[in-house]
Amino acid sequence: MFPSLTKAEKEILVFIARYWEAEGLAPTFKDIGNGTIQKKRVAKKRSSLQGVNYLIKKLHKKGYLEKAGENIRSTYYYPADNEETRRAIR
């Protein structure tokens, strides 16, 4: 069983999953902070990219996100392929 999610963590996780579905690629931290997909607001706007980074790292540590790439400019996150993540996104 994975650790539970805070409201903010769940919102970010759902946003990343929806972004992947809509765009076919990972959102940038700026995209996540804006909370929009194809110019439609789907998540709360966050003014701090540092806050987005913090939430992303917590989701990764908890096992809900996978990380790809080692170069800071090419690092992106995507929803982990496991039952807990699928359940959280619903």
N, C-alpha and C. Protein backbone atom coordinates (compact mmCIF):
# COMPACT_ATOMS: atom_id res chain seq x y z
N MET A 1 0.84 -1.19 0.00
CA MET A 1 0.00 0.00 0.00
C MET A 1 0.88 1.25 0.00
N PHE A 2 0.58 2.16 -0.89
CA PHE A 2 1.34 3.39 -1.02
C PHE A 2 0.89 4.39 0.05
N PRO A 3 1.75 5.35 0.39
CA PRO A 3 1.34 6.41 1.32
C PRO A 3 0.18 7.21 0.71
N SER A 4 -0.68 7.74 1.55
CA SER A 4 -1.81 8.51 1.05
C SER A 4 -1.33 9.84 0.46
N LEU A 5 -2.19 10.44 -0.34
CA LEU A 5 -1.87 11.70 -1.01
C LEU A 5 -2.58 12.87 -0.35
N THR A 6 -1.90 14.00 -0.34
CA THR A 6 -2.56 15.23 0.08
C THR A 6 -3.42 15.71 -1.08
N LYS A 7 -4.28 16.68 -0.82
CA LYS A 7 -5.14 17.23 -1.88
C LYS A 7 -4.29 17.81 -3.02
N ALA A 8 -3.24 18.54 -2.67
CA ALA A 8 -2.37 19.16 -3.68
C ALA A 8 -1.63 18.10 -4.50
N GLU A 9 -1.14 17.04 -3.84
CA GLU A 9 -0.43 15.97 -4.56
C GLU A 9 -1.37 15.28 -5.54
N LYS A 10 -2.59 15.00 -5.09
CA LYS A 10 -3.55 14.32 -5.98
C LYS A 10 -3.87 15.20 -7.17
N GLU A 11 -4.06 16.49 -6.94
CA GLU A 11 -4.37 17.40 -8.03
C GLU A 11 -3.25 17.41 -9.07
N ILE A 12 -2.01 17.44 -8.61
CA ILE A 12 -0.86 17.44 -9.53
C ILE A 12 -0.79 16.11 -10.28
N LEU A 13 -0.99 14.99 -9.59
CA LEU A 13 -0.94 13.68 -10.23
C LEU A 13 -2.01 13.56 -11.31
N VAL A 14 -3.22 13.97 -11.00
CA VAL A 14 -4.31 13.92 -11.98
C VAL A 14 -4.00 14.85 -13.15
N PHE A 15 -3.45 16.02 -12.87
CA PHE A 15 -3.09 16.95 -13.95
C PHE A 15 -2.07 16.32 -14.89
N ILE A 16 -1.04 15.72 -14.33
CA ILE A 16 0.00 15.09 -15.17
C ILE A 16 -0.60 13.99 -16.03
N ALA A 17 -1.46 13.16 -15.46
CA ALA A 17 -2.10 12.08 -16.23
C ALA A 17 -2.97 12.64 -17.35
N ARG A 18 -3.74 13.67 -17.06
CA ARG A 18 -4.59 14.28 -18.10
C ARG A 18 -3.76 14.94 -19.18
N TYR A 19 -2.67 15.58 -18.78
CA TYR A 19 -1.79 16.24 -19.74
C TYR A 19 -1.20 15.20 -20.70
N TRP A 20 -0.75 14.07 -20.14
CA TRP A 20 -0.21 12.99 -20.98
C TRP A 20 -1.25 12.53 -21.99
N GLU A 21 -2.49 12.35 -21.55
CA GLU A 21 -3.56 11.90 -22.44
C GLU A 21 -3.82 12.92 -23.55
N ALA A 22 -3.87 14.20 -23.18
CA ALA A 22 -4.21 15.24 -24.14
C ALA A 22 -3.07 15.60 -25.09
N GLU A 23 -1.85 15.66 -24.57
CA GLU A 23 -0.72 16.17 -25.36
C GLU A 23 0.23 15.07 -25.84
N GLY A 24 0.22 13.92 -25.19
CA GLY A 24 1.12 12.84 -25.57
C GLY A 24 2.55 13.04 -25.12
N LEU A 25 2.76 13.96 -24.18
CA LEU A 25 4.09 14.20 -23.64
C LEU A 25 3.96 14.73 -22.23
N ALA A 26 5.08 14.81 -21.55
CA ALA A 26 5.09 15.24 -20.16
C ALA A 26 4.94 16.76 -20.05
N PRO A 27 4.21 17.23 -19.05
CA PRO A 27 4.12 18.68 -18.84
C PRO A 27 5.40 19.21 -18.19
N THR A 28 5.72 20.44 -18.49
CA THR A 28 6.84 21.10 -17.80
C THR A 28 6.34 21.56 -16.44
N PHE A 29 7.25 21.95 -15.57
CA PHE A 29 6.84 22.47 -14.27
C PHE A 29 5.99 23.73 -14.47
N LYS A 30 6.32 24.51 -15.50
CA LYS A 30 5.54 25.72 -15.79
C LYS A 30 4.12 25.35 -16.21
N ASP A 31 3.98 24.31 -17.04
CA ASP A 31 2.65 23.83 -17.44
C ASP A 31 1.84 23.42 -16.21
N ILE A 32 2.49 22.69 -15.31
CA ILE A 32 1.82 22.23 -14.09
C ILE A 32 1.42 23.44 -13.24
N GLY A 33 2.31 24.40 -13.12
CA GLY A 33 2.01 25.60 -12.35
C GLY A 33 0.85 26.40 -12.93
N ASN A 34 0.76 26.45 -14.26
CA ASN A 34 -0.34 27.16 -14.92
C ASN A 34 -1.66 26.43 -14.73
N GLY A 35 -1.62 25.10 -14.67
CA GLY A 35 -2.83 24.33 -14.45
C GLY A 35 -3.76 24.27 -15.64
N THR A 36 -3.24 24.53 -16.83
CA THR A 36 -4.09 24.51 -18.02
C THR A 36 -3.61 23.46 -19.02
N ILE A 37 -4.58 22.88 -19.70
CA ILE A 37 -4.30 21.95 -20.80
C ILE A 37 -5.12 22.44 -21.98
N GLN A 38 -4.44 22.71 -23.08
CA GLN A 38 -5.06 23.24 -24.28
C GLN A 38 -5.93 24.46 -23.95
N LYS A 39 -5.36 25.35 -23.16
CA LYS A 39 -5.95 26.63 -22.76
C LYS A 39 -7.20 26.50 -21.88
N LYS A 40 -7.41 25.32 -21.30
CA LYS A 40 -8.54 25.13 -20.39
C LYS A 40 -8.00 24.87 -18.99
N ARG A 41 -8.54 25.59 -18.01
CA ARG A 41 -8.11 25.41 -16.62
C ARG A 41 -8.63 24.07 -16.11
N VAL A 42 -7.70 23.21 -15.68
CA VAL A 42 -8.08 21.91 -15.13
C VAL A 42 -7.51 21.69 -13.74
N ALA A 43 -6.67 22.61 -13.29
CA ALA A 43 -6.09 22.51 -11.95
C ALA A 43 -5.82 23.92 -11.43
N LYS A 44 -5.63 23.99 -10.14
CA LYS A 44 -5.34 25.26 -9.49
C LYS A 44 -4.03 25.84 -10.02
N LYS A 45 -4.04 27.15 -10.27
CA LYS A 45 -2.81 27.83 -10.70
C LYS A 45 -1.89 27.97 -9.48
N ARG A 46 -0.63 27.64 -9.68
CA ARG A 46 0.36 27.73 -8.60
C ARG A 46 1.41 28.76 -9.00
N SER A 47 1.65 29.69 -8.11
CA SER A 47 2.56 30.79 -8.43
C SER A 47 4.02 30.41 -8.25
N SER A 48 4.29 29.34 -7.51
CA SER A 48 5.66 28.96 -7.21
C SER A 48 6.07 27.67 -7.91
N LEU A 49 7.03 27.79 -8.81
CA LEU A 49 7.55 26.57 -9.45
C LEU A 49 8.32 25.72 -8.46
N GLN A 50 8.85 26.36 -7.43
CA GLN A 50 9.55 25.63 -6.38
C GLN A 50 8.55 24.73 -5.63
N GLY A 51 7.33 25.24 -5.43
CA GLY A 51 6.29 24.44 -4.80
C GLY A 51 5.88 23.26 -5.67
N VAL A 52 5.81 23.49 -6.98
CA VAL A 52 5.51 22.40 -7.93
C VAL A 52 6.60 21.34 -7.84
N ASN A 53 7.85 21.78 -7.85
CA ASN A 53 8.98 20.86 -7.76
C ASN A 53 8.90 20.02 -6.49
N TYR A 54 8.59 20.65 -5.37
CA TYR A 54 8.47 19.96 -4.09
C TYR A 54 7.39 18.87 -4.16
N LEU A 55 6.22 19.20 -4.71
CA LEU A 55 5.12 18.23 -4.81
C LEU A 55 5.48 17.07 -5.76
N ILE A 56 6.14 17.39 -6.86
CA ILE A 56 6.56 16.36 -7.81
C ILE A 56 7.52 15.39 -7.14
N LYS A 57 8.49 15.92 -6.42
CA LYS A 57 9.46 15.05 -5.75
C LYS A 57 8.79 14.17 -4.69
N LYS A 58 7.79 14.71 -3.99
CA LYS A 58 7.06 13.90 -3.01
C LYS A 58 6.29 12.77 -3.70
N LEU A 59 5.65 13.08 -4.84
CA LEU A 59 4.92 12.05 -5.58
C LEU A 59 5.86 10.97 -6.11
N HIS A 60 7.04 11.38 -6.55
CA HIS A 60 8.03 10.42 -7.03
C HIS A 60 8.50 9.53 -5.89
N LYS A 61 8.79 10.13 -4.75
CA LYS A 61 9.26 9.38 -3.59
C LYS A 61 8.21 8.39 -3.09
N LYS A 62 6.94 8.78 -3.16
CA LYS A 62 5.84 7.91 -2.73
C LYS A 62 5.53 6.81 -3.74
N GLY A 63 6.08 6.91 -4.96
CA GLY A 63 5.90 5.86 -5.96
C GLY A 63 4.80 6.11 -6.97
N TYR A 64 4.18 7.29 -6.95
CA TYR A 64 3.10 7.60 -7.86
C TYR A 64 3.58 8.11 -9.21
N LEU A 65 4.80 8.62 -9.27
CA LEU A 65 5.38 9.12 -10.52
C LEU A 65 6.69 8.41 -10.81
N GLU A 66 6.97 8.23 -12.09
CA GLU A 66 8.25 7.71 -12.55
C GLU A 66 9.03 8.86 -13.15
N LYS A 67 10.33 8.77 -13.08
CA LYS A 67 11.22 9.81 -13.60
C LYS A 67 11.99 9.25 -14.78
N ALA A 68 12.14 10.06 -15.81
CA ALA A 68 12.92 9.65 -16.98
C ALA A 68 13.93 10.73 -17.30
N GLY A 69 15.10 10.32 -17.71
CA GLY A 69 16.14 11.27 -18.10
C GLY A 69 16.98 11.70 -16.91
N GLU A 70 18.24 11.90 -17.15
CA GLU A 70 19.15 12.30 -16.09
C GLU A 70 19.57 13.77 -16.22
N ASN A 71 19.54 14.27 -17.44
CA ASN A 71 19.91 15.66 -17.67
C ASN A 71 18.78 16.54 -17.16
N ILE A 72 19.11 17.58 -16.41
CA ILE A 72 18.08 18.44 -15.82
C ILE A 72 17.14 19.01 -16.87
N ARG A 73 17.61 19.30 -18.04
CA ARG A 73 16.75 19.86 -19.08
C ARG A 73 15.85 18.81 -19.72
N SER A 74 16.18 17.54 -19.59
CA SER A 74 15.37 16.51 -20.23
C SER A 74 14.63 15.63 -19.23
N THR A 75 14.71 15.95 -17.95
CA THR A 75 14.02 15.15 -16.96
C THR A 75 12.53 15.43 -17.03
N TYR A 76 11.74 14.37 -17.07
CA TYR A 76 10.30 14.53 -17.01
C TYR A 76 9.71 13.41 -16.18
N TYR A 77 8.48 13.63 -15.76
CA TYR A 77 7.80 12.67 -14.91
C TYR A 77 6.53 12.20 -15.58
N TYR A 78 6.18 10.97 -15.33
CA TYR A 78 4.94 10.42 -15.87
C TYR A 78 4.33 9.51 -14.81
N PRO A 79 3.01 9.30 -14.88
CA PRO A 79 2.35 8.46 -13.87
C PRO A 79 2.92 7.05 -13.86
N ALA A 80 3.20 6.54 -12.69
CA ALA A 80 3.72 5.18 -12.55
C ALA A 80 2.64 4.18 -12.98
N ASP A 81 3.05 3.09 -13.58
CA ASP A 81 2.12 2.06 -14.04
C ASP A 81 1.89 1.06 -12.92
N ASN A 82 1.04 1.43 -11.97
CA ASN A 82 0.71 0.52 -10.89
C ASN A 82 -0.72 0.79 -10.44
N GLU A 83 -1.29 -0.15 -9.72
CA GLU A 83 -2.69 -0.06 -9.31
C GLU A 83 -2.96 1.15 -8.42
N GLU A 84 -2.05 1.46 -7.53
CA GLU A 84 -2.25 2.61 -6.63
C GLU A 84 -2.35 3.91 -7.41
N THR A 85 -1.52 4.09 -8.42
CA THR A 85 -1.57 5.30 -9.22
C THR A 85 -2.86 5.35 -10.02
N ARG A 86 -3.24 4.24 -10.63
CA ARG A 86 -4.50 4.20 -11.39
C ARG A 86 -5.69 4.54 -10.50
N ARG A 87 -5.69 4.02 -9.29
CA ARG A 87 -6.77 4.29 -8.35
C ARG A 87 -6.78 5.76 -7.95
N ALA A 88 -5.64 6.35 -7.74
CA ALA A 88 -5.55 7.75 -7.33
C ALA A 88 -6.01 8.71 -8.44
N ILE A 89 -5.79 8.32 -9.67
CA ILE A 89 -6.14 9.19 -10.81
C ILE A 89 -7.65 9.18 -11.07
N ARG A 90 -8.31 8.13 -10.71
CA ARG A 90 -9.76 8.05 -10.98
C ARG A 90 -10.53 9.11 -10.29
